[in-house]
N, C-alpha and C. Protein backbone atom coordinates (compact mmCIF):
# COMPACT_ATOMS: atom_id res chain seq x y z
N MET A 1 6.33 16.27 -3.32
CA MET A 1 6.42 14.85 -3.06
C MET A 1 6.85 14.10 -4.32
N HIS A 2 6.65 14.67 -5.48
CA HIS A 2 6.91 13.95 -6.72
C HIS A 2 8.39 14.01 -7.09
N ASP A 3 9.05 12.89 -6.97
CA ASP A 3 10.45 12.76 -7.34
C ASP A 3 10.48 11.88 -8.58
N THR A 4 11.06 12.36 -9.65
CA THR A 4 11.08 11.58 -10.88
C THR A 4 12.48 11.11 -11.24
N SER A 5 13.41 11.11 -10.29
CA SER A 5 14.76 10.63 -10.57
C SER A 5 15.17 9.57 -9.56
N PRO A 6 14.61 8.35 -9.71
CA PRO A 6 14.91 7.31 -8.72
C PRO A 6 16.36 6.86 -8.76
N GLN A 7 16.87 6.51 -7.60
CA GLN A 7 18.22 6.00 -7.48
C GLN A 7 18.23 4.47 -7.51
N LEU A 8 17.06 3.86 -7.52
CA LEU A 8 16.95 2.41 -7.45
C LEU A 8 16.72 1.80 -8.82
N ALA A 9 17.21 0.59 -8.98
CA ALA A 9 16.91 -0.19 -10.18
C ALA A 9 16.25 -1.48 -9.70
N ILE A 10 15.03 -1.71 -10.15
CA ILE A 10 14.28 -2.90 -9.77
C ILE A 10 13.93 -3.64 -11.05
N ALA A 11 14.37 -4.89 -11.11
CA ALA A 11 14.17 -5.69 -12.32
C ALA A 11 12.71 -5.70 -12.75
N ASP A 12 12.49 -5.50 -14.03
CA ASP A 12 11.18 -5.59 -14.67
C ASP A 12 10.24 -4.43 -14.35
N TYR A 13 10.74 -3.39 -13.67
CA TYR A 13 9.91 -2.23 -13.36
C TYR A 13 10.67 -0.94 -13.66
N THR A 14 9.93 0.03 -14.18
CA THR A 14 10.45 1.38 -14.35
C THR A 14 9.76 2.24 -13.30
N LEU A 15 10.54 2.87 -12.43
CA LEU A 15 9.98 3.75 -11.42
C LEU A 15 9.67 5.09 -12.08
N LEU A 16 8.40 5.47 -12.07
CA LEU A 16 7.96 6.67 -12.77
C LEU A 16 7.99 7.92 -11.90
N GLU A 17 7.47 7.80 -10.68
CA GLU A 17 7.50 8.93 -9.75
C GLU A 17 7.23 8.44 -8.35
N ARG A 18 7.84 9.12 -7.40
CA ARG A 18 7.58 8.80 -6.00
C ARG A 18 6.25 9.43 -5.62
N ILE A 19 5.36 8.62 -5.08
CA ILE A 19 4.02 9.11 -4.74
C ILE A 19 3.76 9.13 -3.24
N GLY A 20 4.71 8.63 -2.47
CA GLY A 20 4.53 8.65 -1.03
C GLY A 20 5.80 8.26 -0.32
N ALA A 21 5.92 8.71 0.91
CA ALA A 21 7.07 8.35 1.73
C ALA A 21 6.63 8.39 3.18
N GLY A 22 7.20 7.49 3.96
CA GLY A 22 6.88 7.44 5.37
C GLY A 22 8.11 7.09 6.16
N SER A 23 7.91 6.69 7.39
CA SER A 23 9.01 6.37 8.29
C SER A 23 9.87 5.23 7.78
N TYR A 24 9.24 4.23 7.14
CA TYR A 24 9.96 3.01 6.80
C TYR A 24 10.23 2.82 5.31
N GLY A 25 9.69 3.66 4.47
CA GLY A 25 9.92 3.42 3.05
C GLY A 25 9.30 4.48 2.17
N GLU A 26 9.37 4.19 0.89
CA GLU A 26 8.81 5.10 -0.09
C GLU A 26 8.00 4.30 -1.10
N VAL A 27 6.95 4.93 -1.61
CA VAL A 27 6.06 4.28 -2.57
C VAL A 27 6.22 4.99 -3.91
N TRP A 28 6.37 4.18 -4.95
CA TRP A 28 6.55 4.68 -6.31
C TRP A 28 5.42 4.22 -7.21
N ARG A 29 5.06 5.07 -8.16
CA ARG A 29 4.23 4.63 -9.28
C ARG A 29 5.22 3.99 -10.24
N ALA A 30 4.95 2.76 -10.63
CA ALA A 30 5.89 2.01 -11.45
C ALA A 30 5.16 1.36 -12.62
N ARG A 31 5.91 1.10 -13.67
CA ARG A 31 5.36 0.40 -14.84
C ARG A 31 6.12 -0.90 -15.02
N SER A 32 5.37 -1.99 -15.16
CA SER A 32 5.99 -3.30 -15.36
C SER A 32 6.37 -3.48 -16.82
N VAL A 33 7.10 -4.55 -17.10
CA VAL A 33 7.50 -4.82 -18.48
C VAL A 33 6.29 -5.08 -19.37
N THR A 34 5.15 -5.43 -18.77
CA THR A 34 3.94 -5.65 -19.56
C THR A 34 3.15 -4.36 -19.76
N GLY A 35 3.61 -3.27 -19.13
CA GLY A 35 2.94 -1.98 -19.27
C GLY A 35 1.94 -1.68 -18.17
N ALA A 36 1.71 -2.61 -17.25
CA ALA A 36 0.77 -2.38 -16.16
C ALA A 36 1.37 -1.39 -15.16
N GLU A 37 0.55 -0.44 -14.73
CA GLU A 37 1.00 0.50 -13.70
C GLU A 37 0.63 -0.05 -12.34
N ARG A 38 1.58 0.01 -11.43
CA ARG A 38 1.44 -0.54 -10.09
C ARG A 38 2.02 0.44 -9.09
N ALA A 39 1.74 0.19 -7.82
CA ALA A 39 2.42 0.88 -6.74
C ALA A 39 3.53 -0.06 -6.28
N LEU A 40 4.71 0.48 -6.03
CA LEU A 40 5.85 -0.32 -5.61
C LEU A 40 6.45 0.35 -4.37
N LYS A 41 6.43 -0.38 -3.26
CA LYS A 41 6.98 0.17 -2.02
C LYS A 41 8.34 -0.44 -1.76
N VAL A 42 9.31 0.41 -1.42
CA VAL A 42 10.67 -0.01 -1.08
C VAL A 42 10.88 0.29 0.40
N VAL A 43 11.32 -0.72 1.14
CA VAL A 43 11.57 -0.58 2.58
C VAL A 43 13.05 -0.86 2.81
N HIS A 44 13.77 0.14 3.30
CA HIS A 44 15.21 0.03 3.52
C HIS A 44 15.53 -0.37 4.96
N ARG A 45 16.52 -1.20 5.13
CA ARG A 45 16.98 -1.59 6.47
C ARG A 45 17.45 -0.37 7.26
N ARG A 46 18.07 0.59 6.58
CA ARG A 46 18.61 1.77 7.25
C ARG A 46 17.52 2.63 7.91
N SER A 47 16.26 2.39 7.56
CA SER A 47 15.15 3.14 8.16
C SER A 47 14.83 2.68 9.58
N PHE A 48 15.42 1.57 10.00
CA PHE A 48 15.14 0.97 11.30
C PHE A 48 16.38 1.04 12.18
N GLN A 49 16.19 1.28 13.46
CA GLN A 49 17.33 1.30 14.38
C GLN A 49 17.86 -0.10 14.65
N HIS A 50 16.97 -1.09 14.59
CA HIS A 50 17.34 -2.47 14.91
C HIS A 50 16.84 -3.42 13.82
N ASP A 51 17.43 -4.59 13.77
CA ASP A 51 17.06 -5.61 12.79
C ASP A 51 15.65 -6.14 12.99
N ARG A 52 15.25 -6.35 14.25
CA ARG A 52 13.97 -7.01 14.52
C ARG A 52 12.78 -6.31 13.89
N PRO A 53 12.60 -4.99 14.00
CA PRO A 53 11.45 -4.35 13.36
C PRO A 53 11.48 -4.49 11.83
N TYR A 54 12.67 -4.45 11.26
CA TYR A 54 12.81 -4.62 9.80
C TYR A 54 12.36 -6.02 9.40
N ARG A 55 12.83 -7.02 10.13
CA ARG A 55 12.42 -8.40 9.85
C ARG A 55 10.91 -8.58 10.06
N ARG A 56 10.37 -7.95 11.11
CA ARG A 56 8.93 -8.04 11.38
C ARG A 56 8.13 -7.45 10.22
N GLU A 57 8.60 -6.35 9.68
CA GLU A 57 7.93 -5.71 8.54
C GLU A 57 7.92 -6.67 7.34
N PHE A 58 9.06 -7.29 7.07
CA PHE A 58 9.15 -8.23 5.94
C PHE A 58 8.26 -9.45 6.19
N GLU A 59 8.28 -9.98 7.40
CA GLU A 59 7.45 -11.14 7.73
C GLU A 59 5.97 -10.82 7.61
N GLY A 60 5.57 -9.61 7.98
CA GLY A 60 4.18 -9.19 7.83
C GLY A 60 3.74 -9.18 6.38
N ILE A 61 4.61 -8.70 5.50
CA ILE A 61 4.30 -8.68 4.07
C ILE A 61 4.18 -10.10 3.54
N GLN A 62 5.09 -10.97 3.95
CA GLN A 62 5.04 -12.36 3.50
C GLN A 62 3.72 -13.01 3.89
N LYS A 63 3.27 -12.80 5.11
CA LYS A 63 2.01 -13.39 5.56
C LYS A 63 0.82 -12.77 4.84
N PHE A 64 0.86 -11.45 4.69
CA PHE A 64 -0.26 -10.73 4.08
C PHE A 64 -0.47 -11.13 2.63
N GLU A 65 0.62 -11.34 1.90
CA GLU A 65 0.54 -11.57 0.45
C GLU A 65 -0.49 -12.64 0.08
N SER A 66 -0.41 -13.81 0.67
CA SER A 66 -1.33 -14.89 0.29
C SER A 66 -2.70 -14.74 0.94
N ILE A 67 -2.75 -14.21 2.15
CA ILE A 67 -4.02 -14.07 2.86
C ILE A 67 -4.93 -13.05 2.17
N ALA A 68 -4.37 -11.97 1.69
CA ALA A 68 -5.16 -10.89 1.11
C ALA A 68 -5.55 -11.12 -0.34
N ARG A 69 -4.84 -12.00 -1.00
CA ARG A 69 -5.07 -12.20 -2.44
C ARG A 69 -6.54 -12.52 -2.70
N GLY A 70 -7.15 -11.69 -3.50
CA GLY A 70 -8.54 -11.91 -3.89
C GLY A 70 -9.57 -11.33 -2.94
N HIS A 71 -9.17 -10.83 -1.77
CA HIS A 71 -10.15 -10.22 -0.88
C HIS A 71 -10.51 -8.85 -1.45
N PRO A 72 -11.80 -8.56 -1.57
CA PRO A 72 -12.21 -7.32 -2.24
C PRO A 72 -11.84 -6.03 -1.52
N HIS A 73 -11.46 -6.10 -0.23
CA HIS A 73 -11.18 -4.87 0.50
C HIS A 73 -9.80 -4.83 1.14
N LEU A 74 -8.91 -5.69 0.65
CA LEU A 74 -7.51 -5.64 1.03
C LEU A 74 -6.69 -5.46 -0.24
N VAL A 75 -5.73 -4.56 -0.20
CA VAL A 75 -4.91 -4.30 -1.39
C VAL A 75 -4.17 -5.59 -1.77
N THR A 76 -4.14 -5.87 -3.06
CA THR A 76 -3.48 -7.07 -3.56
C THR A 76 -1.99 -6.81 -3.74
N VAL A 77 -1.17 -7.74 -3.22
CA VAL A 77 0.27 -7.71 -3.43
C VAL A 77 0.57 -8.71 -4.53
N PHE A 78 1.24 -8.24 -5.59
CA PHE A 78 1.55 -9.09 -6.74
C PHE A 78 2.91 -9.76 -6.63
N HIS A 79 3.83 -9.10 -5.93
CA HIS A 79 5.20 -9.62 -5.88
C HIS A 79 5.94 -9.03 -4.69
N VAL A 80 6.79 -9.83 -4.07
CA VAL A 80 7.69 -9.37 -3.00
C VAL A 80 9.10 -9.75 -3.42
N GLY A 81 10.04 -8.83 -3.28
CA GLY A 81 11.42 -9.11 -3.66
C GLY A 81 12.41 -8.44 -2.73
N ARG A 82 13.66 -8.83 -2.88
CA ARG A 82 14.74 -8.26 -2.06
C ARG A 82 15.72 -7.51 -2.95
N LEU A 83 16.28 -6.46 -2.40
CA LEU A 83 17.37 -5.71 -3.04
C LEU A 83 18.57 -5.87 -2.12
N GLU A 84 19.28 -6.96 -2.29
CA GLU A 84 20.37 -7.31 -1.37
C GLU A 84 21.44 -6.21 -1.29
N ALA A 85 21.81 -5.64 -2.42
CA ALA A 85 22.87 -4.63 -2.43
C ALA A 85 22.46 -3.38 -1.64
N ASP A 86 21.17 -3.08 -1.60
CA ASP A 86 20.67 -1.90 -0.89
C ASP A 86 20.15 -2.22 0.50
N GLU A 87 20.27 -3.49 0.93
CA GLU A 87 19.67 -3.93 2.19
C GLU A 87 18.25 -3.41 2.28
N ALA A 88 17.42 -3.89 1.35
CA ALA A 88 16.04 -3.45 1.28
C ALA A 88 15.18 -4.58 0.72
N PHE A 89 13.89 -4.43 0.89
CA PHE A 89 12.95 -5.29 0.19
C PHE A 89 11.89 -4.39 -0.43
N TYR A 90 11.15 -4.95 -1.35
CA TYR A 90 10.09 -4.18 -2.01
C TYR A 90 8.90 -5.08 -2.24
N TYR A 91 7.77 -4.46 -2.43
CA TYR A 91 6.60 -5.22 -2.84
C TYR A 91 5.79 -4.39 -3.82
N VAL A 92 5.18 -5.12 -4.75
CA VAL A 92 4.42 -4.52 -5.83
C VAL A 92 2.95 -4.78 -5.54
N MET A 93 2.15 -3.74 -5.61
CA MET A 93 0.74 -3.86 -5.27
C MET A 93 -0.13 -3.04 -6.20
N GLU A 94 -1.42 -3.14 -5.99
CA GLU A 94 -2.37 -2.38 -6.78
C GLU A 94 -2.11 -0.88 -6.60
N LEU A 95 -2.32 -0.15 -7.67
CA LEU A 95 -2.20 1.30 -7.65
C LEU A 95 -3.58 1.89 -7.38
N ALA A 96 -3.66 2.82 -6.46
CA ALA A 96 -4.94 3.46 -6.14
C ALA A 96 -5.45 4.25 -7.34
N ASP A 97 -6.76 4.43 -7.37
CA ASP A 97 -7.36 5.29 -8.38
C ASP A 97 -6.77 6.68 -8.25
N ALA A 98 -6.79 7.42 -9.33
CA ALA A 98 -6.31 8.80 -9.30
C ALA A 98 -7.37 9.70 -8.69
N VAL A 99 -6.93 10.74 -8.02
CA VAL A 99 -7.86 11.75 -7.53
C VAL A 99 -8.47 12.43 -8.75
N PRO A 100 -9.79 12.57 -8.79
CA PRO A 100 -10.41 13.22 -9.96
C PRO A 100 -9.78 14.58 -10.25
N GLY A 101 -9.53 14.83 -11.54
CA GLY A 101 -8.94 16.10 -11.96
C GLY A 101 -7.43 16.11 -11.99
N THR A 102 -6.79 14.97 -11.65
CA THR A 102 -5.33 14.90 -11.66
C THR A 102 -4.84 14.72 -13.10
N ALA A 103 -3.76 15.38 -13.44
CA ALA A 103 -3.17 15.23 -14.78
C ALA A 103 -2.80 13.77 -15.01
N PRO A 104 -3.00 13.25 -16.23
CA PRO A 104 -2.76 11.83 -16.49
C PRO A 104 -1.32 11.38 -16.29
N ASP A 105 -0.36 12.30 -16.37
CA ASP A 105 1.04 11.91 -16.19
C ASP A 105 1.50 12.05 -14.73
N ARG A 106 0.57 12.38 -13.84
CA ARG A 106 0.88 12.52 -12.42
C ARG A 106 -0.04 11.60 -11.63
N CYS A 107 0.45 11.13 -10.53
CA CYS A 107 -0.34 10.22 -9.72
C CYS A 107 -0.66 10.86 -8.39
N ALA A 108 -1.91 11.19 -8.19
CA ALA A 108 -2.39 11.61 -6.88
C ALA A 108 -3.37 10.53 -6.48
N SER A 109 -2.96 9.70 -5.55
CA SER A 109 -3.74 8.52 -5.18
C SER A 109 -4.98 8.91 -4.38
N ARG A 110 -6.10 8.34 -4.79
CA ARG A 110 -7.35 8.61 -4.09
C ARG A 110 -7.42 7.73 -2.85
N ALA A 111 -7.56 8.38 -1.71
CA ALA A 111 -7.71 7.72 -0.43
C ALA A 111 -8.86 8.40 0.31
N LEU A 112 -9.34 7.76 1.35
CA LEU A 112 -10.39 8.37 2.15
C LEU A 112 -9.92 9.74 2.65
N ARG A 113 -8.63 9.86 3.02
CA ARG A 113 -8.09 11.14 3.50
C ARG A 113 -8.21 12.23 2.43
N SER A 114 -7.88 11.90 1.18
CA SER A 114 -7.97 12.92 0.12
C SER A 114 -9.43 13.31 -0.13
N ASP A 115 -10.35 12.35 -0.03
CA ASP A 115 -11.77 12.67 -0.18
C ASP A 115 -12.23 13.60 0.94
N LEU A 116 -11.83 13.30 2.16
CA LEU A 116 -12.22 14.14 3.30
C LEU A 116 -11.62 15.54 3.18
N ASP A 117 -10.34 15.60 2.78
CA ASP A 117 -9.68 16.90 2.62
C ASP A 117 -10.33 17.75 1.53
N ALA A 118 -10.86 17.09 0.51
CA ALA A 118 -11.50 17.80 -0.60
C ALA A 118 -12.94 18.18 -0.26
N GLY A 119 -13.40 17.75 0.90
CA GLY A 119 -14.77 18.07 1.30
C GLY A 119 -15.81 17.22 0.59
N ALA A 120 -15.39 16.06 0.09
CA ALA A 120 -16.32 15.17 -0.61
C ALA A 120 -17.43 14.76 0.35
N PRO A 121 -18.68 14.86 -0.09
CA PRO A 121 -19.78 14.51 0.80
C PRO A 121 -19.82 13.00 1.05
N LEU A 122 -20.01 12.62 2.30
CA LEU A 122 -20.15 11.22 2.67
C LEU A 122 -21.55 11.03 3.23
N THR A 123 -22.36 10.33 2.48
CA THR A 123 -23.72 10.06 2.93
C THR A 123 -23.69 8.98 4.01
N ALA A 124 -24.79 8.86 4.71
CA ALA A 124 -24.89 7.80 5.73
C ALA A 124 -24.71 6.44 5.06
N ARG A 125 -25.27 6.28 3.89
CA ARG A 125 -25.15 5.00 3.15
C ARG A 125 -23.69 4.71 2.81
N ALA A 126 -22.97 5.74 2.33
CA ALA A 126 -21.55 5.55 1.97
C ALA A 126 -20.72 5.22 3.20
N LEU A 127 -21.03 5.85 4.32
CA LEU A 127 -20.29 5.58 5.56
C LEU A 127 -20.54 4.14 6.04
N VAL A 128 -21.77 3.68 5.94
CA VAL A 128 -22.08 2.30 6.34
C VAL A 128 -21.36 1.33 5.41
N GLN A 129 -21.38 1.58 4.10
CA GLN A 129 -20.68 0.71 3.15
C GLN A 129 -19.18 0.67 3.43
N LEU A 130 -18.61 1.82 3.74
CA LEU A 130 -17.19 1.90 4.06
C LEU A 130 -16.89 1.12 5.34
N GLY A 131 -17.72 1.31 6.35
CA GLY A 131 -17.53 0.59 7.61
C GLY A 131 -17.63 -0.92 7.45
N VAL A 132 -18.59 -1.37 6.67
CA VAL A 132 -18.76 -2.81 6.43
C VAL A 132 -17.55 -3.36 5.66
N ALA A 133 -17.10 -2.63 4.64
CA ALA A 133 -15.95 -3.08 3.85
C ALA A 133 -14.70 -3.23 4.72
N LEU A 134 -14.45 -2.23 5.57
CA LEU A 134 -13.26 -2.29 6.42
C LEU A 134 -13.39 -3.36 7.50
N ALA A 135 -14.58 -3.53 8.05
CA ALA A 135 -14.79 -4.59 9.04
C ALA A 135 -14.55 -5.96 8.41
N GLU A 136 -15.01 -6.15 7.17
CA GLU A 136 -14.77 -7.42 6.48
C GLU A 136 -13.27 -7.64 6.26
N ALA A 137 -12.56 -6.60 5.85
CA ALA A 137 -11.12 -6.72 5.59
C ALA A 137 -10.36 -7.05 6.87
N LEU A 138 -10.65 -6.30 7.93
CA LEU A 138 -9.94 -6.53 9.19
C LEU A 138 -10.33 -7.88 9.79
N GLY A 139 -11.59 -8.27 9.65
CA GLY A 139 -12.03 -9.58 10.13
C GLY A 139 -11.31 -10.70 9.41
N HIS A 140 -11.11 -10.53 8.10
CA HIS A 140 -10.37 -11.54 7.31
C HIS A 140 -8.94 -11.69 7.83
N LEU A 141 -8.30 -10.56 8.09
CA LEU A 141 -6.94 -10.62 8.64
C LEU A 141 -6.94 -11.32 10.00
N HIS A 142 -7.88 -10.96 10.86
CA HIS A 142 -7.93 -11.55 12.20
C HIS A 142 -8.16 -13.05 12.15
N ARG A 143 -9.04 -13.50 11.25
CA ARG A 143 -9.29 -14.95 11.13
C ARG A 143 -8.03 -15.71 10.72
N HIS A 144 -7.08 -15.00 10.12
CA HIS A 144 -5.81 -15.62 9.69
C HIS A 144 -4.66 -15.27 10.65
N GLY A 145 -5.00 -14.78 11.83
CA GLY A 145 -3.99 -14.52 12.86
C GLY A 145 -3.18 -13.25 12.67
N LEU A 146 -3.70 -12.30 11.87
CA LEU A 146 -2.98 -11.04 11.64
C LEU A 146 -3.81 -9.87 12.16
N ILE A 147 -3.10 -8.81 12.53
CA ILE A 147 -3.76 -7.56 12.90
C ILE A 147 -3.14 -6.43 12.09
N HIS A 148 -3.94 -5.41 11.86
CA HIS A 148 -3.44 -4.21 11.20
C HIS A 148 -3.27 -3.17 12.30
N ARG A 149 -2.06 -2.68 12.46
CA ARG A 149 -1.74 -1.83 13.60
C ARG A 149 -1.87 -0.33 13.34
N ASP A 150 -2.44 0.07 12.19
CA ASP A 150 -2.47 1.51 11.91
C ASP A 150 -3.56 1.84 10.89
N VAL A 151 -4.82 1.64 11.26
CA VAL A 151 -5.94 1.94 10.37
C VAL A 151 -6.22 3.44 10.47
N LYS A 152 -6.16 4.12 9.31
CA LYS A 152 -6.43 5.56 9.29
C LYS A 152 -6.88 5.95 7.88
N PRO A 153 -7.55 7.10 7.73
CA PRO A 153 -8.09 7.51 6.43
C PRO A 153 -7.07 7.56 5.29
N ALA A 154 -5.82 7.90 5.58
CA ALA A 154 -4.81 7.98 4.52
C ALA A 154 -4.47 6.61 3.94
N ASP A 155 -4.76 5.55 4.69
CA ASP A 155 -4.42 4.19 4.25
C ASP A 155 -5.62 3.40 3.75
N ILE A 156 -6.72 4.07 3.57
CA ILE A 156 -7.89 3.45 2.95
C ILE A 156 -7.95 4.03 1.54
N ILE A 157 -7.52 3.22 0.58
CA ILE A 157 -7.44 3.69 -0.80
C ILE A 157 -8.61 3.13 -1.61
N PHE A 158 -8.82 3.71 -2.76
CA PHE A 158 -9.87 3.24 -3.66
C PHE A 158 -9.20 2.67 -4.91
N VAL A 159 -9.56 1.43 -5.24
CA VAL A 159 -8.99 0.75 -6.40
C VAL A 159 -10.15 0.26 -7.26
N GLY A 160 -10.30 0.86 -8.43
CA GLY A 160 -11.41 0.48 -9.29
C GLY A 160 -12.75 0.84 -8.68
N GLY A 161 -12.74 1.79 -7.76
CA GLY A 161 -13.97 2.24 -7.09
C GLY A 161 -14.05 1.85 -5.63
N PRO A 162 -14.07 0.55 -5.29
CA PRO A 162 -14.24 0.15 -3.89
C PRO A 162 -13.05 0.50 -3.00
N PRO A 163 -13.32 0.67 -1.69
CA PRO A 163 -12.24 0.95 -0.74
C PRO A 163 -11.44 -0.31 -0.42
N LYS A 164 -10.15 -0.12 -0.18
CA LYS A 164 -9.26 -1.21 0.22
C LYS A 164 -8.33 -0.72 1.32
N GLN A 165 -8.10 -1.59 2.29
CA GLN A 165 -7.15 -1.27 3.35
C GLN A 165 -5.73 -1.43 2.79
N ALA A 166 -4.92 -0.42 2.97
CA ALA A 166 -3.54 -0.44 2.49
C ALA A 166 -2.60 -0.26 3.67
N ASP A 167 -1.41 0.23 3.43
CA ASP A 167 -0.32 0.34 4.41
C ASP A 167 -0.13 -0.99 5.11
N ILE A 168 0.11 -1.99 4.30
CA ILE A 168 0.19 -3.37 4.80
C ILE A 168 1.47 -3.64 5.55
N GLY A 169 2.41 -2.72 5.54
CA GLY A 169 3.61 -2.89 6.34
C GLY A 169 3.30 -2.87 7.83
N ARG A 170 2.14 -2.36 8.18
CA ARG A 170 1.71 -2.29 9.58
C ARG A 170 0.95 -3.54 10.00
N VAL A 171 0.94 -4.58 9.16
CA VAL A 171 0.28 -5.83 9.50
C VAL A 171 1.27 -6.72 10.23
N ALA A 172 0.80 -7.36 11.30
CA ALA A 172 1.66 -8.24 12.08
C ALA A 172 0.86 -9.41 12.61
N GLY A 173 1.57 -10.43 13.04
CA GLY A 173 0.90 -11.56 13.69
C GLY A 173 0.22 -11.07 14.96
N ALA A 174 -0.87 -11.69 15.32
CA ALA A 174 -1.65 -11.27 16.49
C ALA A 174 -0.79 -11.24 17.75
N GLY A 175 0.27 -12.04 17.80
CA GLY A 175 1.16 -12.02 18.95
C GLY A 175 2.31 -11.05 18.79
N GLY A 176 2.45 -10.38 17.58
CA GLY A 176 3.62 -9.56 17.28
C GLY A 176 3.38 -8.13 17.42
């Protein structure tokens, strides 16, 4: 999964390695001009058969950006931009904690899925805390007219310890 030769140039960011890819885009570990490491997702128009789903994805990010800012269990989006020449958009967000034991020059993002795959013990207390955190995050989105259409263990990441709902491209208006 680790690709270290990006074809993209994004102002003020150096793409260090690809850390994820899905149906609609790819996620990179990136370094800003200030030296902060972030996750940067690029979503290409060519990944969609039609314009409407691509626009819906972009509109979801636009709505999510301000609603999620500062919520302890929603990933923070720092910036949204367009790559007109590539018919794409990107967004910069918090980078998940590293999986324990990962080499410092490699990024293996810690998610609930990676914890489960590693056989990490989940106590009843930890499960209740996780459930409450996710219910608060999803409730916050719902109160602002948004829904998350794809909640799963791979998209629950840990940032600075606490869990956060990620894969925000799957966020849409309650009517969308």
